[in-house]
C-alpha atoms as a PDB file:
ATOM      1  CA  MET A   1     132.747 180.994 150.464  1.00  0.00           C
ATOM      2  CA  ASP A   2     131.764 180.713 154.127  1.00  0.00           C
ATOM      3  CA  ILE A   3     129.068 177.946 154.057  1.00  0.00           C
ATOM      4  CA  ARG A   4     127.849 178.828 157.513  1.00  0.00           C
ATOM      5  CA  SER A   5     127.300 182.470 156.834  1.00  0.00           C
ATOM      6  CA  GLU A   6     125.648 181.692 153.491  1.00  0.00           C
ATOM      7  CA  VAL A   7     123.183 179.125 155.118  1.00  0.00           C
ATOM      8  CA  VAL A   8     122.473 181.546 157.894  1.00  0.00           C
ATOM      9  CA  SER A   9     121.787 184.322 155.402  1.00  0.00           C
ATOM     10  CA  ILE A  10     119.445 182.003 153.390  1.00  0.00           C
ATOM     11  CA  LEU A  11     117.562 181.026 156.500  1.00  0.00           C
ATOM     12  CA  ASP A  12     117.102 184.742 157.378  1.00  0.00           C
ATOM     13  CA  GLU A  13     115.978 185.554 153.829  1.00  0.00           C
ATOM     14  CA  VAL A  14     113.701 182.660 153.019  1.00  0.00           C
ATOM     15  CA  LEU A  15     111.951 182.615 156.492  1.00  0.00           C
ATOM     16  CA  SER A  16     111.762 186.471 156.743  1.00  0.00           C
ATOM     17  CA  LEU A  17     113.440 186.389 160.077  1.00  0.00           C
ATOM     18  CA  ASN A  18     114.636 190.008 159.811  1.00  0.00           C
ATOM     19  CA  GLY A  19     118.055 189.476 161.261  1.00  0.00           C
ATOM     20  CA  ARG A  20     117.050 187.027 164.064  1.00  0.00           C
ATOM     21  CA  THR A  21     119.548 184.628 162.665  1.00  0.00           C
ATOM     22  CA  LYS A  22     122.486 186.731 163.894  1.00  0.00           C
ATOM     23  CA  ALA A  23     121.852 185.152 167.345  1.00  0.00           C
ATOM     24  CA  PHE A  24     121.984 181.580 165.938  1.00  0.00           C
ATOM     25  CA  VAL A  25     124.538 179.219 167.067  1.00  0.00           C
ATOM     26  CA  LEU A  26     125.328 175.744 165.769  1.00  0.00           C
ATOM     27  CA  ASP A  27     123.005 174.001 168.167  1.00  0.00           C
ATOM     28  CA  THR A  28     120.066 176.339 167.485  1.00  0.00           C
ATOM     29  CA  PRO A  29     117.035 174.204 166.814  1.00  0.00           C
ATOM     30  CA  LEU A  30     115.166 174.824 163.609  1.00  0.00           C
ATOM     31  CA  LEU A  31     112.379 172.401 162.665  1.00  0.00           C
ATOM     32  CA  GLY A  32     109.713 172.557 165.483  1.00  0.00           C
ATOM     33  CA  ALA A  33     111.374 175.622 167.073  1.00  0.00           C
ATOM     34  CA  LEU A  34     110.846 178.130 164.364  1.00  0.00           C
ATOM     35  CA  PRO A  35     107.198 178.691 163.618  1.00  0.00           C
ATOM     36  CA  GLU A  36     108.258 180.232 160.281  1.00  0.00           C
ATOM     37  CA  LEU A  37     109.811 176.832 159.205  1.00  0.00           C
ATOM     38  CA  ASP A  38     106.707 175.001 157.951  1.00  0.00           C
ATOM     39  CA  SER A  39     106.480 172.591 155.096  1.00  0.00           C
ATOM     40  CA  MET A  40     106.227 175.298 152.481  1.00  0.00           C
ATOM     41  CA  ALA A  41     109.272 177.094 153.886  1.00  0.00           C
ATOM     42  CA  VAL A  42     111.277 173.738 153.819  1.00  0.00           C
ATOM     43  CA  VAL A  43     110.605 173.558 150.050  1.00  0.00           C
ATOM     44  CA  ALA A  44     111.610 177.160 149.518  1.00  0.00           C
ATOM     45  CA  LEU A  45     114.690 176.697 151.596  1.00  0.00           C
ATOM     46  CA  ILE A  46     115.768 173.513 149.674  1.00  0.00           C
ATOM     47  CA  THR A  47     115.204 175.381 146.377  1.00  0.00           C
ATOM     48  CA  THR A  48     117.246 178.297 147.465  1.00  0.00           C
ATOM     49  CA  LEU A  49     120.092 176.087 148.741  1.00  0.00           C
ATOM     50  CA  GLU A  50     120.131 174.337 145.367  1.00  0.00           C
ATOM     51  CA  GLU A  51     120.271 177.626 143.497  1.00  0.00           C
ATOM     52  CA  ARG A  52     122.915 179.263 145.683  1.00  0.00           C
ATOM     53  CA  PHE A  53     125.231 176.225 146.068  1.00  0.00           C
ATOM     54  CA  GLY A  54     124.675 174.667 142.639  1.00  0.00           C
ATOM     55  CA  PHE A  55     123.607 171.117 143.852  1.00  0.00           C
ATOM     56  CA  THR A  56     120.491 169.074 143.445  1.00  0.00           C
ATOM     57  CA  VAL A  57     118.576 167.609 146.378  1.00  0.00           C
ATOM     58  CA  ASP A  58     116.634 164.342 145.855  1.00  0.00           C
ATOM     59  CA  ASP A  59     113.412 163.713 147.767  1.00  0.00           C
ATOM     60  CA  ASP A  60     114.899 160.679 149.604  1.00  0.00           C
ATOM     61  CA  GLU A  61     117.771 162.824 150.969  1.00  0.00           C
ATOM     62  CA  ILE A  62     115.526 165.092 153.066  1.00  0.00           C
ATOM     63  CA  ASP A  63     113.963 164.199 156.430  1.00  0.00           C
ATOM     64  CA  GLY A  64     113.423 166.033 159.654  1.00  0.00           C
ATOM     65  CA  SER A  65     117.107 165.415 160.759  1.00  0.00           C
ATOM     66  CA  VAL A  66     118.415 167.728 158.095  1.00  0.00           C
ATOM     67  CA  PHE A  67     116.548 170.644 159.627  1.00  0.00           C
ATOM     68  CA  ALA A  68     116.876 169.624 163.249  1.00  0.00           C
ATOM     69  CA  SER A  69     119.544 172.356 163.977  1.00  0.00           C
ATOM     70  CA  LEU A  70     121.704 174.947 162.236  1.00  0.00           C
ATOM     71  CA  ALA A  71     124.624 172.448 162.564  1.00  0.00           C
ATOM     72  CA  SER A  72     122.707 169.638 160.812  1.00  0.00           C
ATOM     73  CA  LEU A  73     121.663 172.000 157.991  1.00  0.00           C
ATOM     74  CA  ILE A  74     125.259 173.120 157.464  1.00  0.00           C
ATOM     75  CA  ASP A  75     126.430 169.536 157.583  1.00  0.00           C
ATOM     76  CA  PHE A  76     123.936 168.602 154.900  1.00  0.00           C
ATOM     77  CA  VAL A  77     125.210 171.446 152.635  1.00  0.00           C
ATOM     78  CA  HIS A  78     128.917 170.456 153.271  1.00  0.00           C
ATOM     79  CA  HIS A  79     127.936 166.851 152.350  1.00  0.00           C
ATOM     80  CA  LYS A  80     126.150 167.942 149.165  1.00  0.00           C
ATOM     81  CA  LEU A  81     129.211 170.017 148.240  1.00  0.00           C
ATOM     82  CA  GLY A  82     131.464 166.859 148.485  1.00  0.00           C
ATOM     83  CA  GLY A  83     132.880 167.859 151.874  1.00  0.00           C
END
């Protein structure tokens, strides 16, 4: 499984970005840069990541730095998968 592609796909799906994620690079800012990424979207995103990748996220594992950029979100998923 290509984690980057899956994370990008999840972002596009959950935030209803209609393919805008195709232009995302690793340093693309997320939180604060995407108006679609509000607090409710963060919850939906975490839930979808948990379902797709089969891990559980505790409340104390999440802060703004996880959603700072595409790279930080991918790194978080890698970490949760034991990478």
